[in-house]
């Protein structure tokens, strides 16, 4: 079984209330081969919600308490992001999930690129808060852009 970002599996939970469904992932969900997770929603954030970006680093820096997650209007949602990551991990751990496919560029789920914190659309190398936590817990992380590289399909 896989963990998959809920927005990639057809759930309307993105910050803007949208989804970015990948048909193959939806098939796996319907076949009972995947658990959909949205760390941001699990962390108590609503849908839709004000856009948020990591300030001064990436997800690993957030866990080191040297970076924060702020909304576009300056609200600190760092603890929501951390709490959601931990809840998502616990749900996956109970099911023995060891690989996840997460939404690239998300402040929670990005695995290669995230936005730079300026809310200007500029991307930088880095990982999201949940991705950093999942990696620290030993999960294999992929995105909708590189999931075909998974060995355990």
N, C-alpha and C. Protein backbone atom coordinates (compact mmCIF):
# COMPACT_ATOMS: atom_id res chain seq x y z
N UNK A 1 0.84 -1.18 0.00
CA UNK A 1 0.00 0.00 0.00
C UNK A 1 0.88 1.25 0.00
N UNK A 2 0.40 2.27 -0.68
CA UNK A 2 1.11 3.55 -0.80
C UNK A 2 0.36 4.64 -0.06
N UNK A 3 1.10 5.66 0.36
CA UNK A 3 0.50 6.91 0.79
C UNK A 3 0.56 7.86 -0.38
N UNK A 4 -0.51 8.59 -0.62
CA UNK A 4 -0.56 9.53 -1.74
C UNK A 4 -1.19 10.83 -1.25
N UNK A 5 -0.61 11.95 -1.68
CA UNK A 5 -1.21 13.25 -1.37
C UNK A 5 -2.66 13.22 -1.83
N UNK A 6 -3.56 13.61 -0.94
CA UNK A 6 -4.99 13.54 -1.23
C UNK A 6 -5.38 14.32 -2.48
N UNK A 7 -4.72 15.46 -2.72
CA UNK A 7 -5.07 16.27 -3.89
C UNK A 7 -4.73 15.54 -5.19
N UNK A 8 -3.75 14.65 -5.14
CA UNK A 8 -3.38 13.87 -6.33
C UNK A 8 -4.33 12.70 -6.55
N UNK A 9 -5.10 12.35 -5.51
CA UNK A 9 -6.04 11.24 -5.59
C UNK A 9 -7.48 11.67 -5.74
N UNK A 10 -7.69 12.94 -6.08
CA UNK A 10 -9.04 13.38 -6.39
C UNK A 10 -9.76 14.14 -5.29
N UNK A 11 -9.13 14.38 -4.17
CA UNK A 11 -9.76 15.12 -3.08
C UNK A 11 -9.51 16.62 -3.28
N UNK A 12 -10.54 17.41 -3.14
CA UNK A 12 -10.45 18.87 -3.31
C UNK A 12 -9.97 19.49 -2.00
N UNK A 13 -8.65 19.41 -1.78
CA UNK A 13 -8.09 19.87 -0.50
C UNK A 13 -6.90 20.82 -0.67
N UNK A 14 -6.59 21.21 -1.89
CA UNK A 14 -5.49 22.16 -2.09
C UNK A 14 -5.83 23.50 -1.45
N UNK A 15 -4.84 24.33 -1.26
CA UNK A 15 -5.05 25.64 -0.63
C UNK A 15 -6.16 26.43 -1.30
N UNK A 16 -6.30 26.28 -2.63
CA UNK A 16 -7.30 27.02 -3.38
C UNK A 16 -8.61 26.25 -3.54
N UNK A 17 -8.73 25.13 -2.84
CA UNK A 17 -9.93 24.32 -2.90
C UNK A 17 -9.95 23.35 -4.06
N UNK A 18 -8.87 23.30 -4.81
CA UNK A 18 -8.81 22.46 -6.00
C UNK A 18 -8.20 21.09 -5.75
N UNK A 19 -8.04 20.38 -6.84
CA UNK A 19 -7.42 19.06 -6.84
C UNK A 19 -6.47 19.01 -8.04
N UNK A 20 -5.55 18.07 -8.02
CA UNK A 20 -4.69 17.85 -9.18
C UNK A 20 -4.61 16.34 -9.42
N UNK A 21 -5.74 15.77 -9.69
CA UNK A 21 -5.89 14.33 -9.80
C UNK A 21 -5.00 13.73 -10.87
N UNK A 22 -4.34 12.65 -10.50
CA UNK A 22 -3.58 11.82 -11.43
C UNK A 22 -4.38 10.52 -11.56
N UNK A 23 -4.82 10.21 -12.77
CA UNK A 23 -5.73 9.08 -12.97
C UNK A 23 -5.19 7.77 -12.42
N UNK A 24 -3.91 7.50 -12.60
CA UNK A 24 -3.34 6.25 -12.08
C UNK A 24 -3.48 6.17 -10.56
N UNK A 25 -3.28 7.30 -9.88
CA UNK A 25 -3.38 7.31 -8.42
C UNK A 25 -4.83 7.07 -7.98
N UNK A 26 -5.76 7.67 -8.71
CA UNK A 26 -7.17 7.46 -8.42
C UNK A 26 -7.54 5.98 -8.59
N UNK A 27 -6.98 5.35 -9.59
CA UNK A 27 -7.21 3.91 -9.79
C UNK A 27 -6.71 3.12 -8.60
N UNK A 28 -5.50 3.43 -8.12
CA UNK A 28 -4.95 2.72 -6.96
C UNK A 28 -5.81 2.92 -5.72
N UNK A 29 -6.32 4.13 -5.55
CA UNK A 29 -7.20 4.40 -4.41
C UNK A 29 -8.45 3.54 -4.51
N UNK A 30 -9.06 3.53 -5.69
CA UNK A 30 -10.28 2.75 -5.89
C UNK A 30 -10.06 1.25 -5.73
N UNK A 31 -8.83 0.79 -5.99
CA UNK A 31 -8.49 -0.63 -5.82
C UNK A 31 -8.05 -0.95 -4.40
N UNK A 32 -8.03 0.06 -3.53
CA UNK A 32 -7.62 -0.16 -2.14
C UNK A 32 -6.12 -0.31 -1.97
N UNK A 33 -5.33 0.20 -2.92
CA UNK A 33 -3.88 0.08 -2.87
C UNK A 33 -3.20 1.34 -2.34
N UNK A 34 -3.98 2.36 -1.99
CA UNK A 34 -3.38 3.63 -1.55
C UNK A 34 -4.24 4.29 -0.48
N UNK A 35 -3.57 4.96 0.43
CA UNK A 35 -4.20 5.79 1.45
C UNK A 35 -3.96 7.24 1.07
N UNK A 36 -5.03 8.02 1.00
CA UNK A 36 -4.89 9.44 0.69
C UNK A 36 -4.66 10.22 1.98
N UNK A 37 -3.68 11.11 1.94
CA UNK A 37 -3.36 11.93 3.11
C UNK A 37 -3.20 13.39 2.68
N UNK A 38 -3.62 14.30 3.53
CA UNK A 38 -3.33 15.72 3.33
C UNK A 38 -2.84 16.23 4.67
N UNK A 39 -1.53 16.34 4.83
CA UNK A 39 -0.99 16.80 6.11
C UNK A 39 -1.50 18.18 6.53
N UNK A 40 -1.77 19.05 5.58
CA UNK A 40 -2.24 20.39 5.93
C UNK A 40 -3.63 20.32 6.55
N UNK A 41 -4.52 19.54 5.96
CA UNK A 41 -5.86 19.37 6.52
C UNK A 41 -5.77 18.62 7.85
N UNK A 42 -4.94 17.58 7.91
CA UNK A 42 -4.78 16.84 9.17
C UNK A 42 -4.22 17.73 10.28
N UNK A 43 -3.51 18.77 9.89
CA UNK A 43 -2.97 19.72 10.86
C UNK A 43 -3.96 20.79 11.28
N UNK A 44 -5.20 20.70 10.78
CA UNK A 44 -6.25 21.60 11.22
C UNK A 44 -6.51 22.79 10.31
N UNK A 45 -5.87 22.83 9.15
CA UNK A 45 -6.08 23.96 8.24
C UNK A 45 -7.31 23.72 7.36
N UNK A 46 -8.06 24.78 7.06
CA UNK A 46 -9.28 24.63 6.27
C UNK A 46 -8.99 24.54 4.77
N UNK A 47 -10.01 24.18 4.02
CA UNK A 47 -9.97 24.21 2.55
C UNK A 47 -11.15 25.03 2.09
N UNK A 48 -10.95 26.06 1.31
CA UNK A 48 -9.65 26.61 0.91
C UNK A 48 -8.98 27.33 2.08
N UNK A 49 -7.70 27.70 1.87
CA UNK A 49 -6.93 28.39 2.91
C UNK A 49 -5.98 29.39 2.24
N UNK A 50 -5.53 30.33 3.03
CA UNK A 50 -4.58 31.31 2.52
C UNK A 50 -3.28 30.61 2.15
N UNK A 51 -2.70 30.92 0.99
CA UNK A 51 -1.43 30.29 0.61
C UNK A 51 -0.37 30.48 1.70
N UNK A 52 0.48 29.46 1.86
CA UNK A 52 1.57 29.52 2.84
C UNK A 52 2.85 29.07 2.16
N UNK A 53 3.97 29.60 2.64
CA UNK A 53 5.28 29.20 2.14
C UNK A 53 6.26 29.15 3.31
N UNK A 54 7.27 28.32 3.15
CA UNK A 54 8.31 28.21 4.17
C UNK A 54 9.23 29.42 4.06
N UNK A 55 9.52 30.01 5.19
CA UNK A 55 10.39 31.18 5.26
C UNK A 55 11.76 30.78 5.80
N UNK A 56 12.82 31.17 5.11
CA UNK A 56 14.20 30.98 5.58
C UNK A 56 14.66 29.53 5.59
N UNK A 57 14.28 28.75 4.58
CA UNK A 57 14.78 27.39 4.51
C UNK A 57 13.77 26.46 3.88
N UNK A 58 13.85 25.18 4.31
CA UNK A 58 12.91 24.18 3.82
C UNK A 58 12.36 23.38 4.99
N UNK A 59 11.71 22.26 4.68
CA UNK A 59 11.08 21.46 5.72
C UNK A 59 12.04 20.95 6.78
N UNK A 60 13.25 20.59 6.38
CA UNK A 60 14.23 20.14 7.38
C UNK A 60 14.55 21.27 8.35
N UNK A 61 14.64 22.49 7.83
CA UNK A 61 14.90 23.65 8.69
C UNK A 61 13.74 23.92 9.63
N UNK A 62 12.52 23.67 9.17
CA UNK A 62 11.35 23.84 10.04
C UNK A 62 11.47 22.90 11.24
N UNK A 63 11.88 21.65 11.01
CA UNK A 63 12.01 20.69 12.11
C UNK A 63 13.18 21.04 13.02
N UNK A 64 14.14 21.81 12.51
CA UNK A 64 15.26 22.28 13.34
C UNK A 64 14.93 23.61 14.02
N UNK A 65 13.70 24.08 13.81
CA UNK A 65 13.23 25.34 14.39
C UNK A 65 14.02 26.56 13.93
N UNK A 66 14.57 26.49 12.70
CA UNK A 66 15.28 27.64 12.14
C UNK A 66 14.51 28.25 10.96
N UNK A 67 13.36 27.69 10.62
CA UNK A 67 12.51 28.21 9.56
C UNK A 67 11.06 28.09 10.03
N UNK A 68 10.19 28.88 9.44
CA UNK A 68 8.78 28.85 9.79
C UNK A 68 7.93 28.75 8.53
N UNK A 69 6.66 28.44 8.72
CA UNK A 69 5.69 28.45 7.63
C UNK A 69 4.72 29.58 7.92
N UNK A 70 4.68 30.54 7.01
CA UNK A 70 3.80 31.68 7.17
C UNK A 70 2.81 31.74 6.01
N UNK A 71 1.59 32.20 6.32
CA UNK A 71 0.63 32.44 5.26
C UNK A 71 0.98 33.74 4.57
N UNK A 72 0.37 33.95 3.44
CA UNK A 72 0.63 35.16 2.66
C UNK A 72 0.30 36.43 3.45
N UNK A 73 -0.61 36.31 4.42
CA UNK A 73 -0.94 37.47 5.25
C UNK A 73 -0.22 37.47 6.60
N UNK A 74 0.83 36.65 6.72
CA UNK A 74 1.72 36.71 7.87
C UNK A 74 1.37 35.86 9.07
N UNK A 75 0.39 34.99 8.96
CA UNK A 75 0.02 34.12 10.08
C UNK A 75 0.98 32.92 10.13
N UNK A 76 1.51 32.63 11.29
CA UNK A 76 2.43 31.50 11.49
C UNK A 76 1.62 30.21 11.62
N UNK A 77 1.77 29.32 10.65
CA UNK A 77 1.06 28.04 10.66
C UNK A 77 2.04 26.87 10.79
N UNK A 78 3.22 27.16 11.29
CA UNK A 78 4.26 26.14 11.41
C UNK A 78 3.77 24.94 12.20
N UNK A 79 3.14 25.16 13.34
CA UNK A 79 2.70 24.04 14.18
C UNK A 79 1.63 23.22 13.50
N UNK A 80 0.75 23.85 12.71
CA UNK A 80 -0.24 23.09 11.94
C UNK A 80 0.45 22.14 10.98
N UNK A 81 1.48 22.63 10.30
CA UNK A 81 2.21 21.81 9.34
C UNK A 81 2.93 20.65 10.03
N UNK A 82 3.55 20.91 11.16
CA UNK A 82 4.24 19.84 11.90
C UNK A 82 3.25 18.81 12.43
N UNK A 83 2.18 19.28 13.04
CA UNK A 83 1.18 18.37 13.60
C UNK A 83 0.57 17.49 12.51
N UNK A 84 0.26 18.10 11.36
CA UNK A 84 -0.32 17.34 10.25
C UNK A 84 0.64 16.28 9.71
N UNK A 85 1.92 16.62 9.65
CA UNK A 85 2.91 15.65 9.19
C UNK A 85 2.97 14.45 10.13
N UNK A 86 2.95 14.72 11.43
CA UNK A 86 3.01 13.63 12.40
C UNK A 86 1.76 12.76 12.35
N UNK A 87 0.59 13.38 12.21
CA UNK A 87 -0.65 12.61 12.12
C UNK A 87 -0.68 11.76 10.85
N UNK A 88 -0.24 12.33 9.74
CA UNK A 88 -0.21 11.58 8.48
C UNK A 88 0.72 10.38 8.61
N UNK A 89 1.89 10.61 9.20
CA UNK A 89 2.85 9.52 9.36
C UNK A 89 2.27 8.41 10.23
N UNK A 90 1.64 8.76 11.32
CA UNK A 90 1.07 7.74 12.22
C UNK A 90 0.02 6.90 11.49
N UNK A 91 -0.81 7.53 10.67
CA UNK A 91 -1.82 6.79 9.91
C UNK A 91 -1.16 5.83 8.93
N UNK A 92 -0.10 6.28 8.28
CA UNK A 92 0.59 5.41 7.32
C UNK A 92 1.35 4.29 8.03
N UNK A 93 1.94 4.62 9.17
CA UNK A 93 2.69 3.62 9.93
C UNK A 93 1.79 2.46 10.35
N UNK A 94 0.57 2.79 10.77
CA UNK A 94 -0.39 1.75 11.18
C UNK A 94 -0.70 0.78 10.06
N UNK A 95 -0.61 1.24 8.82
CA UNK A 95 -0.90 0.40 7.66
C UNK A 95 0.36 -0.20 7.04
N UNK A 96 1.51 0.07 7.64
CA UNK A 96 2.76 -0.48 7.12
C UNK A 96 3.23 0.17 5.84
N UNK A 97 2.79 1.39 5.58
CA UNK A 97 3.18 2.11 4.36
C UNK A 97 4.63 2.57 4.48
N UNK A 98 5.42 2.28 3.44
CA UNK A 98 6.83 2.67 3.45
C UNK A 98 7.21 3.59 2.30
N UNK A 99 6.27 3.82 1.36
CA UNK A 99 6.52 4.71 0.22
C UNK A 99 5.34 5.65 0.05
N UNK A 100 5.66 6.90 -0.32
CA UNK A 100 4.62 7.91 -0.52
C UNK A 100 4.86 8.66 -1.83
N UNK A 101 3.77 9.10 -2.42
CA UNK A 101 3.82 9.96 -3.60
C UNK A 101 3.17 11.27 -3.18
N UNK A 102 3.95 12.34 -3.20
CA UNK A 102 3.50 13.62 -2.67
C UNK A 102 3.50 14.72 -3.72
N UNK A 103 2.71 15.76 -3.48
CA UNK A 103 2.55 16.87 -4.42
C UNK A 103 3.79 17.77 -4.44
N UNK A 104 4.45 17.79 -5.57
CA UNK A 104 5.64 18.61 -5.74
C UNK A 104 5.32 20.09 -5.56
N UNK A 105 6.28 20.82 -5.01
CA UNK A 105 6.25 22.27 -4.80
C UNK A 105 5.37 22.71 -3.64
N UNK A 106 4.70 21.81 -2.99
CA UNK A 106 3.87 22.14 -1.83
C UNK A 106 4.76 22.43 -0.61
N UNK A 107 4.37 23.39 0.24
CA UNK A 107 5.16 23.65 1.45
C UNK A 107 5.10 22.49 2.44
N UNK A 108 4.16 21.61 2.23
CA UNK A 108 4.05 20.42 3.05
C UNK A 108 4.68 19.22 2.36
N UNK A 109 4.36 19.03 1.10
CA UNK A 109 4.68 17.78 0.41
C UNK A 109 5.75 17.86 -0.67
N UNK A 110 6.27 19.02 -0.99
CA UNK A 110 7.30 19.12 -2.02
C UNK A 110 8.48 18.21 -1.70
N UNK A 111 9.01 17.55 -2.72
CA UNK A 111 10.13 16.63 -2.46
C UNK A 111 11.41 17.01 -3.21
N UNK A 112 11.31 17.91 -4.17
CA UNK A 112 12.47 18.40 -4.91
C UNK A 112 12.52 19.92 -4.89
N UNK A 113 11.35 20.52 -5.09
CA UNK A 113 11.24 21.97 -5.20
C UNK A 113 10.12 22.48 -4.32
N UNK A 114 10.34 23.67 -3.74
CA UNK A 114 9.31 24.40 -3.01
C UNK A 114 9.41 25.86 -3.42
N UNK A 115 8.43 26.65 -3.02
CA UNK A 115 8.51 28.08 -3.30
C UNK A 115 9.40 28.74 -2.26
N UNK A 116 10.01 29.86 -2.65
CA UNK A 116 11.09 30.46 -1.85
C UNK A 116 10.65 31.30 -0.66
N UNK A 117 9.36 31.42 -0.42
CA UNK A 117 8.89 32.17 0.74
C UNK A 117 8.53 33.61 0.44
N UNK A 118 8.70 34.03 -0.80
CA UNK A 118 8.43 35.42 -1.17
C UNK A 118 7.04 35.62 -1.78
N UNK A 119 6.31 34.52 -1.99
CA UNK A 119 4.99 34.55 -2.62
C UNK A 119 5.03 35.21 -4.00
N UNK A 120 6.15 35.04 -4.69
CA UNK A 120 6.32 35.62 -6.01
C UNK A 120 6.38 34.56 -7.11
N UNK A 121 6.18 33.30 -6.73
CA UNK A 121 6.22 32.22 -7.72
C UNK A 121 7.62 31.68 -7.98
N UNK A 122 8.61 32.18 -7.26
CA UNK A 122 9.99 31.72 -7.45
C UNK A 122 10.18 30.41 -6.69
N UNK A 123 10.72 29.43 -7.38
CA UNK A 123 10.96 28.11 -6.78
C UNK A 123 12.42 27.96 -6.39
N UNK A 124 12.64 27.10 -5.40
CA UNK A 124 14.01 26.78 -4.98
C UNK A 124 14.07 25.30 -4.64
N UNK A 125 15.26 24.74 -4.67
CA UNK A 125 15.44 23.35 -4.27
C UNK A 125 15.10 23.23 -2.79
N UNK A 126 14.43 22.16 -2.43
CA UNK A 126 14.09 21.93 -1.03
C UNK A 126 12.89 21.02 -0.91
N UNK A 127 12.58 20.68 0.32
CA UNK A 127 11.46 19.77 0.62
C UNK A 127 10.48 20.47 1.56
N UNK A 128 9.25 19.97 1.55
CA UNK A 128 8.23 20.48 2.43
C UNK A 128 8.35 19.90 3.83
N UNK A 129 7.51 20.40 4.72
CA UNK A 129 7.55 20.02 6.13
C UNK A 129 7.22 18.54 6.32
N UNK A 130 6.13 18.06 5.72
CA UNK A 130 5.76 16.65 5.85
C UNK A 130 6.81 15.75 5.18
N UNK A 131 7.28 16.15 4.02
CA UNK A 131 8.30 15.36 3.32
C UNK A 131 9.53 15.18 4.19
N UNK A 132 10.00 16.26 4.80
CA UNK A 132 11.18 16.16 5.67
C UNK A 132 10.92 15.17 6.80
N UNK A 133 9.75 15.26 7.41
CA UNK A 133 9.42 14.35 8.52
C UNK A 133 9.37 12.90 8.03
N UNK A 134 8.72 12.68 6.89
CA UNK A 134 8.61 11.32 6.37
C UNK A 134 9.99 10.74 6.06
N UNK A 135 10.87 11.54 5.48
CA UNK A 135 12.23 11.09 5.19
C UNK A 135 12.95 10.75 6.49
N UNK A 136 12.79 11.59 7.50
CA UNK A 136 13.43 11.33 8.80
C UNK A 136 12.91 10.05 9.43
N UNK A 137 11.68 9.66 9.10
CA UNK A 137 11.10 8.43 9.64
C UNK A 137 11.41 7.21 8.77
N UNK A 138 12.12 7.42 7.67
CA UNK A 138 12.55 6.30 6.82
C UNK A 138 11.65 5.98 5.64
N UNK A 139 10.66 6.82 5.36
CA UNK A 139 9.81 6.56 4.21
C UNK A 139 10.52 6.94 2.92
N UNK A 140 10.19 6.25 1.85
CA UNK A 140 10.67 6.61 0.52
C UNK A 140 9.67 7.60 -0.07
N UNK A 141 10.17 8.74 -0.54
CA UNK A 141 9.30 9.81 -1.02
C UNK A 141 9.49 10.02 -2.51
N UNK A 142 8.36 10.08 -3.22
CA UNK A 142 8.32 10.37 -4.65
C UNK A 142 7.30 11.48 -4.86
N UNK A 143 7.26 12.02 -6.07
CA UNK A 143 6.26 13.02 -6.41
C UNK A 143 5.48 12.56 -7.63
N UNK A 144 4.50 13.37 -8.01
CA UNK A 144 3.74 13.06 -9.22
C UNK A 144 4.61 13.18 -10.46
N UNK A 145 5.81 13.73 -10.30
CA UNK A 145 6.71 13.90 -11.43
C UNK A 145 7.74 12.78 -11.58
N UNK A 146 7.95 11.99 -10.52
CA UNK A 146 8.96 10.91 -10.62
C UNK A 146 8.50 9.58 -10.06
N UNK A 147 7.20 9.40 -9.83
CA UNK A 147 6.71 8.17 -9.22
C UNK A 147 7.00 6.92 -10.04
N UNK A 148 7.22 7.09 -11.34
CA UNK A 148 7.51 5.92 -12.18
C UNK A 148 8.83 5.27 -11.80
N UNK A 149 9.68 5.98 -11.03
CA UNK A 149 10.95 5.43 -10.57
C UNK A 149 10.80 4.47 -9.39
N UNK A 150 9.59 4.37 -8.85
CA UNK A 150 9.37 3.49 -7.70
C UNK A 150 9.68 2.05 -8.07
N UNK A 151 10.37 1.38 -7.17
CA UNK A 151 10.74 -0.01 -7.40
C UNK A 151 9.62 -0.98 -7.02
N UNK A 152 8.77 -0.55 -6.11
CA UNK A 152 7.75 -1.46 -5.58
C UNK A 152 6.36 -1.19 -6.16
N UNK A 153 6.30 -0.91 -7.46
CA UNK A 153 4.99 -0.74 -8.11
C UNK A 153 4.42 -2.09 -8.31
